[in-house]
């Protein structure tokens, strides 16, 4: 089994046949840029780890004392998070993290994460909050905590345009599905196709490249991110949605003060229309969900009187 280093983390590939070949120049440049940024972010985060909450202290207090909010964000998940042509992070999650820092009266620092690294970044004390798109699962809640769902999106299969497939159920063996490591989509696919052949890749970009090269026949992706991929890759197409996923902000366990502040702030952003404007800017549509419950515009009782502190 060959080992390839990406940042500080060894990545095991199952077989040479499952490794994408023939990177185009733009793919190679993008991958090298992401790797370099991830390494730099990892080193920065390690330096900041000493500023993490002391025993009995909330992250809320630690962030204010430090004067910097360290946010785990995605650089490979446009429009939620990506790098622009200048190599700077941008997207819905990036803007949301910046808004949190603004309301705390501190600066913001971004740390690049992936589906595989987001939990270790939190539990290792390298980030204060994950502003990403992780599904809220029982398994993950054994290691970290989530806020209430703040973002909903259908999950869809991504196919090559020249194939007849339209549904994930079309992926009966010998067809293969490529899924990024740490992604809960694998469980949903296995529930629909018990004998499915899944090939694991280190991140979404590598899984998409494997699809384009014909190594796998599909990958899974959120609908909004999938539309971006299809615009960038006319040789790909989206299939039918096979489940509606919900995502929460992530934080270390047993820190109710920090979780309260994050949840209250999300609702204030919604009540002020800031959340919806940010969403429309990056997603191109109004949210078709609410971030609380009890009706189309209902928020937590009493939130309108919250003073911004916990």
C-alpha atoms as a PDB file:
ATOM      1  CA  UNK A   1       0.000   0.000   0.000  1.00  0.00           C
ATOM      2  CA  UNK A   2       1.553   3.269  -1.066  1.00  0.00           C
ATOM      3  CA  UNK A   3       1.600   6.269   1.227  1.00  0.00           C
ATOM      4  CA  UNK A   4       1.366   9.851   0.026  1.00  0.00           C
ATOM      5  CA  UNK A   5       1.959  12.825   2.291  1.00  0.00           C
ATOM      6  CA  UNK A   6      -0.537  15.707   2.163  1.00  0.00           C
ATOM      7  CA  UNK A   7       0.297  18.323   4.707  1.00  0.00           C
ATOM      8  CA  UNK A   8       1.146  16.503   7.954  1.00  0.00           C
ATOM      9  CA  UNK A   9      -1.235  13.619   7.370  1.00  0.00           C
ATOM     10  CA  UNK A  10      -0.377  10.337   5.550  1.00  0.00           C
ATOM     11  CA  UNK A  11      -3.051   9.268   3.089  1.00  0.00           C
ATOM     12  CA  UNK A  12      -3.412   5.617   2.182  1.00  0.00           C
ATOM     13  CA  UNK A  13      -4.623   4.750  -1.305  1.00  0.00           C
ATOM     14  CA  UNK A  14      -6.312   1.411  -1.749  1.00  0.00           C
ATOM     15  CA  UNK A  15      -4.753   0.478  -5.072  1.00  0.00           C
ATOM     16  CA  UNK A  16      -2.922   2.284  -7.868  1.00  0.00           C
ATOM     17  CA  UNK A  17      -6.050   1.787 -10.004  1.00  0.00           C
ATOM     18  CA  UNK A  18      -8.055   3.944  -7.618  1.00  0.00           C
ATOM     19  CA  UNK A  19      -5.556   6.833  -7.681  1.00  0.00           C
ATOM     20  CA  UNK A  20      -6.436   9.681 -10.089  1.00  0.00           C
ATOM     21  CA  UNK A  21      -3.913  10.008 -12.885  1.00  0.00           C
ATOM     22  CA  UNK A  22      -2.908  12.769 -15.274  1.00  0.00           C
ATOM     23  CA  UNK A  23      -3.552  15.932 -13.289  1.00  0.00           C
ATOM     24  CA  UNK A  24      -4.206  18.891 -15.546  1.00  0.00           C
ATOM     25  CA  UNK A  25      -1.978  21.860 -14.806  1.00  0.00           C
ATOM     26  CA  UNK A  26      -4.787  23.790 -13.116  1.00  0.00           C
ATOM     27  CA  UNK A  27      -5.653  20.751 -10.965  1.00  0.00           C
ATOM     28  CA  UNK A  28      -2.020  20.372  -9.929  1.00  0.00           C
ATOM     29  CA  UNK A  29      -1.610  24.056  -9.107  1.00  0.00           C
ATOM     30  CA  UNK A  30      -4.835  24.101  -7.095  1.00  0.00           C
ATOM     31  CA  UNK A  31      -3.876  20.964  -5.174  1.00  0.00           C
ATOM     32  CA  UNK A  32      -0.388  22.294  -4.397  1.00  0.00           C
ATOM     33  CA  UNK A  33      -1.859  25.611  -3.242  1.00  0.00           C
ATOM     34  CA  UNK A  34      -4.351  23.898  -0.948  1.00  0.00           C
ATOM     35  CA  UNK A  35      -1.665  21.636   0.494  1.00  0.00           C
ATOM     36  CA  UNK A  36       0.668  24.567   1.166  1.00  0.00           C
ATOM     37  CA  UNK A  37      -2.101  26.552   2.833  1.00  0.00           C
ATOM     38  CA  UNK A  38      -3.149  23.567   4.915  1.00  0.00           C
ATOM     39  CA  UNK A  39       0.416  23.080   6.164  1.00  0.00           C
ATOM     40  CA  UNK A  40       0.771  26.789   6.967  1.00  0.00           C
ATOM     41  CA  UNK A  41      -2.594  26.842   8.700  1.00  0.00           C
ATOM     42  CA  UNK A  42      -1.651  23.764  10.720  1.00  0.00           C
ATOM     43  CA  UNK A  43       1.538  25.424  11.928  1.00  0.00           C
ATOM     44  CA  UNK A  44      -0.288  28.665  12.794  1.00  0.00           C
ATOM     45  CA  UNK A  45      -2.958  26.744  14.655  1.00  0.00           C
ATOM     46  CA  UNK A  46      -0.353  24.810  16.639  1.00  0.00           C
ATOM     47  CA  UNK A  47       1.175  28.090  17.756  1.00  0.00           C
ATOM     48  CA  UNK A  48      -2.251  29.283  18.910  1.00  0.00           C
ATOM     49  CA  UNK A  49      -3.103  26.047  20.724  1.00  0.00           C
ATOM     50  CA  UNK A  50      -1.471  27.349  23.904  1.00  0.00           C
ATOM     51  CA  UNK A  51      -4.160  30.051  23.989  1.00  0.00           C
ATOM     52  CA  UNK A  52      -6.995  27.521  24.200  1.00  0.00           C
ATOM     53  CA  UNK A  53      -9.343  27.622  27.196  1.00  0.00           C
ATOM     54  CA  UNK A  54      -7.813  26.711  30.537  1.00  0.00           C
ATOM     55  CA  UNK A  55      -9.692  24.202  32.721  1.00  0.00           C
ATOM     56  CA  UNK A  56     -13.071  25.640  33.669  1.00  0.00           C
ATOM     57  CA  UNK A  57     -12.831  28.442  31.107  1.00  0.00           C
ATOM     58  CA  UNK A  58     -15.238  28.765  28.182  1.00  0.00           C
ATOM     59  CA  UNK A  59     -14.028  29.255  24.610  1.00  0.00           C
ATOM     60  CA  UNK A  60     -16.160  32.411  24.705  1.00  0.00           C
ATOM     61  CA  UNK A  61     -13.838  33.856  27.344  1.00  0.00           C
ATOM     62  CA  UNK A  62     -10.666  32.472  25.757  1.00  0.00           C
ATOM     63  CA  UNK A  63     -11.426  34.074  22.389  1.00  0.00           C
ATOM     64  CA  UNK A  64     -12.008  37.477  23.934  1.00  0.00           C
ATOM     65  CA  UNK A  65      -8.843  37.199  26.006  1.00  0.00           C
ATOM     66  CA  UNK A  66      -6.822  36.173  22.939  1.00  0.00           C
ATOM     67  CA  UNK A  67      -8.401  38.799  20.683  1.00  0.00           C
ATOM     68  CA  UNK A  68      -8.643  36.317  17.810  1.00  0.00           C
ATOM     69  CA  UNK A  69     -11.344  33.859  16.758  1.00  0.00           C
ATOM     70  CA  UNK A  70      -9.761  30.806  15.117  1.00  0.00           C
ATOM     71  CA  UNK A  71     -12.293  29.296  12.715  1.00  0.00           C
ATOM     72  CA  UNK A  72     -12.017  25.982  10.910  1.00  0.00           C
ATOM     73  CA  UNK A  73     -13.291  26.518   7.344  1.00  0.00           C
ATOM     74  CA  UNK A  74     -13.306  24.705   4.020  1.00  0.00           C
ATOM     75  CA  UNK A  75     -11.147  25.756   1.085  1.00  0.00           C
ATOM     76  CA  UNK A  76     -12.480  23.002  -1.213  1.00  0.00           C
ATOM     77  CA  UNK A  77     -16.254  23.371  -0.916  1.00  0.00           C
ATOM     78  CA  UNK A  78     -17.451  26.291  -3.051  1.00  0.00           C
ATOM     79  CA  UNK A  79     -19.703  28.243  -2.550  1.00  0.00           C
ATOM     80  CA  UNK A  80     -19.409  27.460   1.161  1.00  0.00           C
ATOM     81  CA  UNK A  81     -15.662  27.935   1.207  1.00  0.00           C
ATOM     82  CA  UNK A  82     -12.956  28.114  -1.445  1.00  0.00           C
ATOM     83  CA  UNK A  83      -9.915  30.090  -2.568  1.00  0.00           C
ATOM     84  CA  UNK A  84     -10.320  32.944  -5.024  1.00  0.00           C
ATOM     85  CA  UNK A  85      -7.918  33.776  -7.861  1.00  0.00           C
ATOM     86  CA  UNK A  86      -5.716  35.684  -5.398  1.00  0.00           C
ATOM     87  CA  UNK A  87      -5.451  32.647  -3.134  1.00  0.00           C
ATOM     88  CA  UNK A  88      -7.691  34.194  -0.472  1.00  0.00           C
ATOM     89  CA  UNK A  89     -10.526  32.291   1.248  1.00  0.00           C
ATOM     90  CA  UNK A  90     -14.081  33.275   0.362  1.00  0.00           C
ATOM     91  CA  UNK A  91     -17.581  31.875   0.647  1.00  0.00           C
ATOM     92  CA  UNK A  92     -20.589  31.645   2.919  1.00  0.00           C
ATOM     93  CA  UNK A  93     -18.705  29.951   5.752  1.00  0.00           C
ATOM     94  CA  UNK A  94     -15.837  32.421   5.502  1.00  0.00           C
ATOM     95  CA  UNK A  95     -18.201  35.407   5.758  1.00  0.00           C
ATOM     96  CA  UNK A  96     -20.102  33.822   8.635  1.00  0.00           C
ATOM     97  CA  UNK A  97     -16.894  33.270  10.632  1.00  0.00           C
ATOM     98  CA  UNK A  98     -15.879  36.885   9.991  1.00  0.00           C
ATOM     99  CA  UNK A  99     -19.287  38.075  11.245  1.00  0.00           C
ATOM    100  CA  UNK A 100     -18.868  36.059  14.455  1.00  0.00           C
ATOM    101  CA  UNK A 101     -15.477  37.690  15.044  1.00  0.00           C
ATOM    102  CA  UNK A 102     -16.914  41.132  14.362  1.00  0.00           C
ATOM    103  CA  UNK A 103     -19.658  40.632  16.954  1.00  0.00           C
ATOM    104  CA  UNK A 104     -17.135  39.393  19.481  1.00  0.00           C
ATOM    105  CA  UNK A 105     -14.954  42.440  18.846  1.00  0.00           C
ATOM    106  CA  UNK A 106     -11.942  40.333  17.812  1.00  0.00           C
ATOM    107  CA  UNK A 107      -9.965  39.480  14.687  1.00  0.00           C
ATOM    108  CA  UNK A 108     -10.563  36.293  12.698  1.00  0.00           C
ATOM    109  CA  UNK A 109      -8.032  33.649  11.691  1.00  0.00           C
ATOM    110  CA  UNK A 110      -8.942  30.870   9.256  1.00  0.00           C
ATOM    111  CA  UNK A 111      -7.621  27.319   9.433  1.00  0.00           C
ATOM    112  CA  UNK A 112      -8.230  25.062   6.424  1.00  0.00           C
ATOM    113  CA  UNK A 113      -9.988  21.817   7.290  1.00  0.00           C
ATOM    114  CA  UNK A 114     -11.354  18.787   5.481  1.00  0.00           C
ATOM    115  CA  UNK A 115     -13.941  16.146   6.342  1.00  0.00           C
ATOM    116  CA  UNK A 116     -11.107  14.055   7.804  1.00  0.00           C
ATOM    117  CA  UNK A 117      -9.314  16.777   9.800  1.00  0.00           C
ATOM    118  CA  UNK A 118     -12.142  18.917  11.210  1.00  0.00           C
ATOM    119  CA  UNK A 119     -12.670  16.832  14.366  1.00  0.00           C
ATOM    120  CA  UNK A 120      -8.936  16.532  15.252  1.00  0.00           C
ATOM    121  CA  UNK A 121      -8.549  20.288  14.725  1.00  0.00           C
ATOM    122  CA  UNK A 122     -11.255  20.900  17.332  1.00  0.00           C
ATOM    123  CA  UNK A 123     -10.330  18.250  19.860  1.00  0.00           C
ATOM    124  CA  UNK A 124      -6.640  19.152  19.527  1.00  0.00           C
ATOM    125  CA  UNK A 125      -7.411  22.742  20.472  1.00  0.00           C
ATOM    126  CA  UNK A 126      -6.360  24.227  17.127  1.00  0.00           C
ATOM    127  CA  UNK A 127      -9.674  25.921  16.275  1.00  0.00           C
ATOM    128  CA  UNK A 128     -12.441  27.477  18.358  1.00  0.00           C
ATOM    129  CA  UNK A 129     -15.341  26.602  16.061  1.00  0.00           C
ATOM    130  CA  UNK A 130     -15.903  24.748  12.820  1.00  0.00           C
ATOM    131  CA  UNK A 131     -17.850  26.900  10.347  1.00  0.00           C
ATOM    132  CA  UNK A 132     -18.343  24.191   7.763  1.00  0.00           C
ATOM    133  CA  UNK A 133     -20.923  21.666   6.572  1.00  0.00           C
ATOM    134  CA  UNK A 134     -20.628  18.561   8.775  1.00  0.00           C
ATOM    135  CA  UNK A 135     -23.680  16.343   9.134  1.00  0.00           C
ATOM    136  CA  UNK A 136     -24.819  16.040  12.743  1.00  0.00           C
ATOM    137  CA  UNK A 137     -24.287  12.350  13.528  1.00  0.00           C
ATOM    138  CA  UNK A 138     -24.334  10.279  16.712  1.00  0.00           C
ATOM    139  CA  UNK A 139     -20.806   9.047  16.011  1.00  0.00           C
ATOM    140  CA  UNK A 140     -19.403  12.575  15.735  1.00  0.00           C
ATOM    141  CA  UNK A 141     -21.239  13.644  18.878  1.00  0.00           C
ATOM    142  CA  UNK A 142     -19.128  11.161  20.822  1.00  0.00           C
ATOM    143  CA  UNK A 143     -16.146  13.456  20.174  1.00  0.00           C
ATOM    144  CA  UNK A 144     -17.513  16.979  19.591  1.00  0.00           C
ATOM    145  CA  UNK A 145     -20.650  19.056  20.076  1.00  0.00           C
ATOM    146  CA  UNK A 146     -22.860  20.760  17.491  1.00  0.00           C
ATOM    147  CA  UNK A 147     -25.118  23.775  17.478  1.00  0.00           C
ATOM    148  CA  UNK A 148     -28.663  23.350  16.203  1.00  0.00           C
ATOM    149  CA  UNK A 149     -28.879  22.914  12.398  1.00  0.00           C
ATOM    150  CA  UNK A 150     -28.141  26.204  10.664  1.00  0.00           C
ATOM    151  CA  UNK A 151     -27.824  25.036   7.060  1.00  0.00           C
ATOM    152  CA  UNK A 152     -29.807  22.511   5.028  1.00  0.00           C
ATOM    153  CA  UNK A 153     -28.965  21.137   1.583  1.00  0.00           C
ATOM    154  CA  UNK A 154     -29.979  18.105  -0.503  1.00  0.00           C
ATOM    155  CA  UNK A 155     -27.254  15.563  -1.235  1.00  0.00           C
ATOM    156  CA  UNK A 156     -27.009  14.414  -4.844  1.00  0.00           C
ATOM    157  CA  UNK A 157     -24.821  12.109  -6.930  1.00  0.00           C
ATOM    158  CA  UNK A 158     -22.380  13.669  -9.385  1.00  0.00           C
ATOM    159  CA  UNK A 159     -21.909  11.783 -12.668  1.00  0.00           C
ATOM    160  CA  UNK A 160     -20.006  12.184 -15.911  1.00  0.00           C
ATOM    161  CA  UNK A 161     -22.278  13.788 -18.469  1.00  0.00           C
ATOM    162  CA  UNK A 162     -21.779  11.010 -21.023  1.00  0.00           C
ATOM    163  CA  UNK A 163     -23.258   8.327 -18.726  1.00  0.00           C
ATOM    164  CA  UNK A 164     -26.963   7.326 -18.555  1.00  0.00           C
ATOM    165  CA  UNK A 165     -27.100   7.450 -14.754  1.00  0.00           C
ATOM    166  CA  UNK A 166     -29.565   9.699 -12.935  1.00  0.00           C
ATOM    167  CA  UNK A 167     -29.888   8.123  -9.454  1.00  0.00           C
ATOM    168  CA  UNK A 168     -27.429   6.897  -6.860  1.00  0.00           C
ATOM    169  CA  UNK A 169     -29.223   3.530  -7.005  1.00  0.00           C
ATOM    170  CA  UNK A 170     -27.833   3.160 -10.545  1.00  0.00           C
ATOM    171  CA  UNK A 171     -24.445   2.476  -8.953  1.00  0.00           C
ATOM    172  CA  UNK A 172     -24.875  -1.279  -8.604  1.00  0.00           C
ATOM    173  CA  UNK A 173     -21.603  -3.253  -8.876  1.00  0.00           C
ATOM    174  CA  UNK A 174     -19.388  -3.210 -10.835  1.00  0.00           C
ATOM    175  CA  UNK A 175     -19.965   0.558 -10.796  1.00  0.00           C
ATOM    176  CA  UNK A 176     -17.980   2.418  -8.132  1.00  0.00           C
ATOM    177  CA  UNK A 177     -18.768   5.451  -5.982  1.00  0.00           C
ATOM    178  CA  UNK A 178     -15.916   7.708  -4.860  1.00  0.00           C
ATOM    179  CA  UNK A 179     -16.450   9.417  -1.481  1.00  0.00           C
ATOM    180  CA  UNK A 180     -14.162  11.709   0.505  1.00  0.00           C
ATOM    181  CA  UNK A 181     -12.752  10.284   3.709  1.00  0.00           C
ATOM    182  CA  UNK A 182     -14.735  11.205   6.834  1.00  0.00           C
ATOM    183  CA  UNK A 183     -17.940  11.870   4.858  1.00  0.00           C
ATOM    184  CA  UNK A 184     -21.137  10.380   6.273  1.00  0.00           C
ATOM    185  CA  UNK A 185     -22.556  10.013   2.732  1.00  0.00           C
ATOM    186  CA  UNK A 186     -21.014   6.539   2.621  1.00  0.00           C
ATOM    187  CA  UNK A 187     -23.536   5.299   5.200  1.00  0.00           C
ATOM    188  CA  UNK A 188     -26.490   6.690   3.219  1.00  0.00           C
ATOM    189  CA  UNK A 189     -25.228   5.133  -0.005  1.00  0.00           C
ATOM    190  CA  UNK A 190     -24.695   1.752   1.676  1.00  0.00           C
ATOM    191  CA  UNK A 191     -28.247   1.895   3.057  1.00  0.00           C
ATOM    192  CA  UNK A 192     -29.577   2.201  -0.500  1.00  0.00           C
ATOM    193  CA  UNK A 193     -27.066  -0.166  -2.124  1.00  0.00           C
ATOM    194  CA  UNK A 194     -25.803  -2.717   0.449  1.00  0.00           C
ATOM    195  CA  UNK A 195     -23.287  -4.270  -1.981  1.00  0.00           C
ATOM    196  CA  UNK A 196     -21.999  -0.945  -3.334  1.00  0.00           C
ATOM    197  CA  UNK A 197     -18.307  -0.563  -4.170  1.00  0.00           C
ATOM    198  CA  UNK A 198     -17.043   2.576  -2.424  1.00  0.00           C
ATOM    199  CA  UNK A 199     -13.590   4.020  -3.062  1.00  0.00           C
ATOM    200  CA  UNK A 200     -12.359   6.441  -0.416  1.00  0.00           C
ATOM    201  CA  UNK A 201     -10.436   9.598  -1.323  1.00  0.00           C
ATOM    202  CA  UNK A 202      -8.694  12.157   0.905  1.00  0.00           C
ATOM    203  CA  UNK A 203     -10.960  15.038  -0.144  1.00  0.00           C
ATOM    204  CA  UNK A 204     -13.763  16.053  -2.490  1.00  0.00           C
ATOM    205  CA  UNK A 205     -11.444  17.494  -5.140  1.00  0.00           C
ATOM    206  CA  UNK A 206      -9.633  14.153  -5.514  1.00  0.00           C
ATOM    207  CA  UNK A 207     -12.924  12.235  -5.688  1.00  0.00           C
ATOM    208  CA  UNK A 208     -14.191  14.569  -8.447  1.00  0.00           C
ATOM    209  CA  UNK A 209     -10.929  14.135 -10.365  1.00  0.00           C
ATOM    210  CA  UNK A 210     -11.279  10.342 -10.108  1.00  0.00           C
ATOM    211  CA  UNK A 211     -14.809  10.655 -11.493  1.00  0.00           C
ATOM    212  CA  UNK A 212     -13.660  12.772 -14.433  1.00  0.00           C
ATOM    213  CA  UNK A 213     -10.930  10.233 -15.217  1.00  0.00           C
ATOM    214  CA  UNK A 214     -13.368   7.299 -15.190  1.00  0.00           C
ATOM    215  CA  UNK A 215     -11.833   5.612 -12.138  1.00  0.00           C
ATOM    216  CA  UNK A 216     -15.193   5.803 -10.344  1.00  0.00           C
ATOM    217  CA  UNK A 217     -18.674   6.266 -11.817  1.00  0.00           C
ATOM    218  CA  UNK A 218     -20.112   8.724  -9.286  1.00  0.00           C
ATOM    219  CA  UNK A 219     -19.354  10.754  -6.208  1.00  0.00           C
ATOM    220  CA  UNK A 220     -21.680  12.459  -3.740  1.00  0.00           C
ATOM    221  CA  UNK A 221     -21.956  16.179  -3.181  1.00  0.00           C
ATOM    222  CA  UNK A 222     -24.316  18.780  -1.750  1.00  0.00           C
ATOM    223  CA  UNK A 223     -26.633  20.282  -4.341  1.00  0.00           C
ATOM    224  CA  UNK A 224     -25.343  23.866  -4.143  1.00  0.00           C
ATOM    225  CA  UNK A 225     -21.703  22.809  -4.280  1.00  0.00           C
ATOM    226  CA  UNK A 226     -22.584  20.391  -7.067  1.00  0.00           C
ATOM    227  CA  UNK A 227     -23.986  23.194  -9.224  1.00  0.00           C
ATOM    228  CA  UNK A 228     -20.689  25.042  -8.884  1.00  0.00           C
ATOM    229  CA  UNK A 229     -18.755  21.923  -9.913  1.00  0.00           C
ATOM    230  CA  UNK A 230     -20.947  21.402 -12.960  1.00  0.00           C
ATOM    231  CA  UNK A 231     -20.493  25.034 -14.046  1.00  0.00           C
ATOM    232  CA  UNK A 232     -16.744  24.558 -13.766  1.00  0.00           C
ATOM    233  CA  UNK A 233     -16.818  21.113 -15.411  1.00  0.00           C
ATOM    234  CA  UNK A 234     -19.267  20.882 -18.343  1.00  0.00           C
ATOM    235  CA  UNK A 235     -18.422  17.187 -18.679  1.00  0.00           C
ATOM    236  CA  UNK A 236     -20.218  16.483 -15.375  1.00  0.00           C
ATOM    237  CA  UNK A 237     -23.904  16.426 -14.379  1.00  0.00           C
ATOM    238  CA  UNK A 238     -25.987  16.171 -11.218  1.00  0.00           C
ATOM    239  CA  UNK A 239     -28.348  13.327 -10.457  1.00  0.00           C
ATOM    240  CA  UNK A 240     -31.482  13.171  -8.319  1.00  0.00           C
ATOM    241  CA  UNK A 241     -31.345  14.084  -4.639  1.00  0.00           C
ATOM    242  CA  UNK A 242     -31.337  11.068  -2.337  1.00  0.00           C
ATOM    243  CA  UNK A 243     -31.570  12.761   1.065  1.00  0.00           C
ATOM    244  CA  UNK A 244     -31.838  16.177   2.715  1.00  0.00           C
ATOM    245  CA  UNK A 245     -28.860  16.855   4.946  1.00  0.00           C
ATOM    246  CA  UNK A 246     -28.534  19.259   7.876  1.00  0.00           C
ATOM    247  CA  UNK A 247     -25.370  20.812   9.240  1.00  0.00           C
ATOM    248  CA  UNK A 248     -24.318  22.436  12.505  1.00  0.00           C
ATOM    249  CA  UNK A 249     -21.416  24.536  13.696  1.00  0.00           C
ATOM    250  CA  UNK A 250     -18.946  22.369  15.603  1.00  0.00           C
ATOM    251  CA  UNK A 251     -17.319  23.038  18.972  1.00  0.00           C
ATOM    252  CA  UNK A 252     -15.577  21.183  21.758  1.00  0.00           C
ATOM    253  CA  UNK A 253     -17.738  19.204  24.136  1.00  0.00           C
ATOM    254  CA  UNK A 254     -19.239  20.516  27.365  1.00  0.00           C
ATOM    255  CA  UNK A 255     -18.968  24.234  26.643  1.00  0.00           C
ATOM    256  CA  UNK A 256     -22.570  25.437  26.926  1.00  0.00           C
ATOM    257  CA  UNK A 257     -21.601  29.093  27.275  1.00  0.00           C
ATOM    258  CA  UNK A 258     -19.853  29.080  23.887  1.00  0.00           C
ATOM    259  CA  UNK A 259     -22.618  27.047  22.248  1.00  0.00           C
ATOM    260  CA  UNK A 260     -25.260  29.430  23.616  1.00  0.00           C
ATOM    261  CA  UNK A 261     -23.419  32.432  22.189  1.00  0.00           C
ATOM    262  CA  UNK A 262     -23.099  30.778  18.763  1.00  0.00           C
ATOM    263  CA  UNK A 263     -26.766  29.746  18.669  1.00  0.00           C
ATOM    264  CA  UNK A 264     -28.050  33.082  19.930  1.00  0.00           C
ATOM    265  CA  UNK A 265     -25.865  34.940  17.410  1.00  0.00           C
ATOM    266  CA  UNK A 266     -27.079  32.778  14.511  1.00  0.00           C
ATOM    267  CA  UNK A 267     -30.647  33.733  15.442  1.00  0.00           C
ATOM    268  CA  UNK A 268     -29.800  37.425  15.740  1.00  0.00           C
ATOM    269  CA  UNK A 269     -28.212  37.285  12.288  1.00  0.00           C
ATOM    270  CA  UNK A 270     -31.419  35.710  11.005  1.00  0.00           C
ATOM    271  CA  UNK A 271     -33.675  38.236  12.771  1.00  0.00           C
ATOM    272  CA  UNK A 272     -31.642  41.110  11.312  1.00  0.00           C
ATOM    273  CA  UNK A 273     -31.652  39.617   7.799  1.00  0.00           C
ATOM    274  CA  UNK A 274     -27.845  39.369   7.767  1.00  0.00           C
ATOM    275  CA  UNK A 275     -27.862  35.562   7.490  1.00  0.00           C
ATOM    276  CA  UNK A 276     -30.305  35.603   4.557  1.00  0.00           C
ATOM    277  CA  UNK A 277     -28.326  38.287   2.698  1.00  0.00           C
ATOM    278  CA  UNK A 278     -25.098  36.351   3.153  1.00  0.00           C
ATOM    279  CA  UNK A 279     -26.792  33.150   2.003  1.00  0.00           C
ATOM    280  CA  UNK A 280     -28.239  34.797  -1.103  1.00  0.00           C
ATOM    281  CA  UNK A 281     -24.864  36.357  -1.949  1.00  0.00           C
ATOM    282  CA  UNK A 282     -23.152  32.972  -2.123  1.00  0.00           C
ATOM    283  CA  UNK A 283     -25.952  30.496  -2.870  1.00  0.00           C
ATOM    284  CA  UNK A 284     -27.892  32.734  -5.252  1.00  0.00           C
ATOM    285  CA  UNK A 285     -31.299  32.132  -3.658  1.00  0.00           C
ATOM    286  CA  UNK A 286     -33.238  32.752  -0.464  1.00  0.00           C
ATOM    287  CA  UNK A 287     -32.921  30.053   2.226  1.00  0.00           C
ATOM    288  CA  UNK A 288     -35.682  27.439   1.924  1.00  0.00           C
ATOM    289  CA  UNK A 289     -35.365  26.601   5.632  1.00  0.00           C
ATOM    290  CA  UNK A 290     -35.367  28.347   9.009  1.00  0.00           C
ATOM    291  CA  UNK A 291     -32.690  28.054  11.677  1.00  0.00           C
ATOM    292  CA  UNK A 292     -35.091  27.401  14.531  1.00  0.00           C
ATOM    293  CA  UNK A 293     -38.433  25.613  14.685  1.00  0.00           C
ATOM    294  CA  UNK A 294     -42.136  26.267  15.123  1.00  0.00           C
ATOM    295  CA  UNK A 295     -42.993  28.003  11.855  1.00  0.00           C
ATOM    296  CA  UNK A 296     -41.573  29.890   8.893  1.00  0.00           C
ATOM    297  CA  UNK A 297     -40.137  32.807  10.883  1.00  0.00           C
ATOM    298  CA  UNK A 298     -40.244  31.624  14.495  1.00  0.00           C
ATOM    299  CA  UNK A 299     -37.059  32.056  16.507  1.00  0.00           C
ATOM    300  CA  UNK A 300     -36.259  31.088  20.084  1.00  0.00           C
ATOM    301  CA  UNK A 301     -38.633  32.860  22.504  1.00  0.00           C
ATOM    302  CA  UNK A 302     -36.868  35.826  24.103  1.00  0.00           C
ATOM    303  CA  UNK A 303     -34.070  36.040  21.563  1.00  0.00           C
ATOM    304  CA  UNK A 304     -35.171  39.548  20.540  1.00  0.00           C
ATOM    305  CA  UNK A 305     -34.172  40.776  24.005  1.00  0.00           C
ATOM    306  CA  UNK A 306     -30.743  39.127  24.058  1.00  0.00           C
ATOM    307  CA  UNK A 307     -27.954  41.647  24.730  1.00  0.00           C
ATOM    308  CA  UNK A 308     -25.148  39.844  22.874  1.00  0.00           C
ATOM    309  CA  UNK A 309     -23.548  38.384  26.006  1.00  0.00           C
ATOM    310  CA  UNK A 310     -23.674  35.024  27.738  1.00  0.00           C
END
